[in-house]
Amino acid sequence: MKKIASKKNNSKRNQIILGVVLIFVMFASTFGIVVNSFGNNSNSGKIEYNGFEFVEQNGFWLTSVGNLNLGFRNNPKDVEEIYTEGFFVIEDYYNKPLYIDSKDYEASSEIYTNLNGIALRIQPGCFEKPCEENAPLKTCEDNLIVIKNASYSSIFANESCVFIRGPEENLTEITDDFLFKLFEIR
């Protein structure tokens, strides 16, 4: 009888010890995660570039230029600066229609996102025939941004046209570089 009682006491004591150890491990793990998350957020989601503060939020880098809030898929530290021919002035887009000729959704959405409150309207345009459905044929007398695949990276202006060219995988970065220059971030 004493053996059975002592086995029950030992079993109960082992369960209590095991429970206390598990509770300690759970609290220690939670504390470690909390402390680690504070350390990671303080450095990785915010950068300073040329007097502008960029904050990463939901996969975008956000900054303010004057009273404009801008969002980019890339921050200027991660984007290679592309040699540019021509001069870009944001005032050229104020209250004027803007046309975009691009098959690259991400690159054209960068333009749309950041110039939407500035241009009178933004819509698809076509620089060279054949044009896609509902895209009017435009010339360099119109505000037109042409984003095309090419084997080399370049940004150049011709009258009221801007040509952004590069490898397909880099078009969004090249477009961001154009926007950084347009908003005088770079």
Foldseek 3Di string as FASTA:
>chain_A
DVVVVVVVVVVVVVVVVVVVVVVVVVVVVVVVVVVVVVVVQVPDQWDAAQNWIWGDDPQWTWTDQVNFIATANDDPVPFDQADEADAAELLLAAAAEAEEADPQPLLVVNVCRRCVVGHVHYYHADDDPPDDPPHHHDHLCGQYEYEEEDPDFYWYHDRNYIYTYYHSVCSRSSSVSVVCRRSVSD
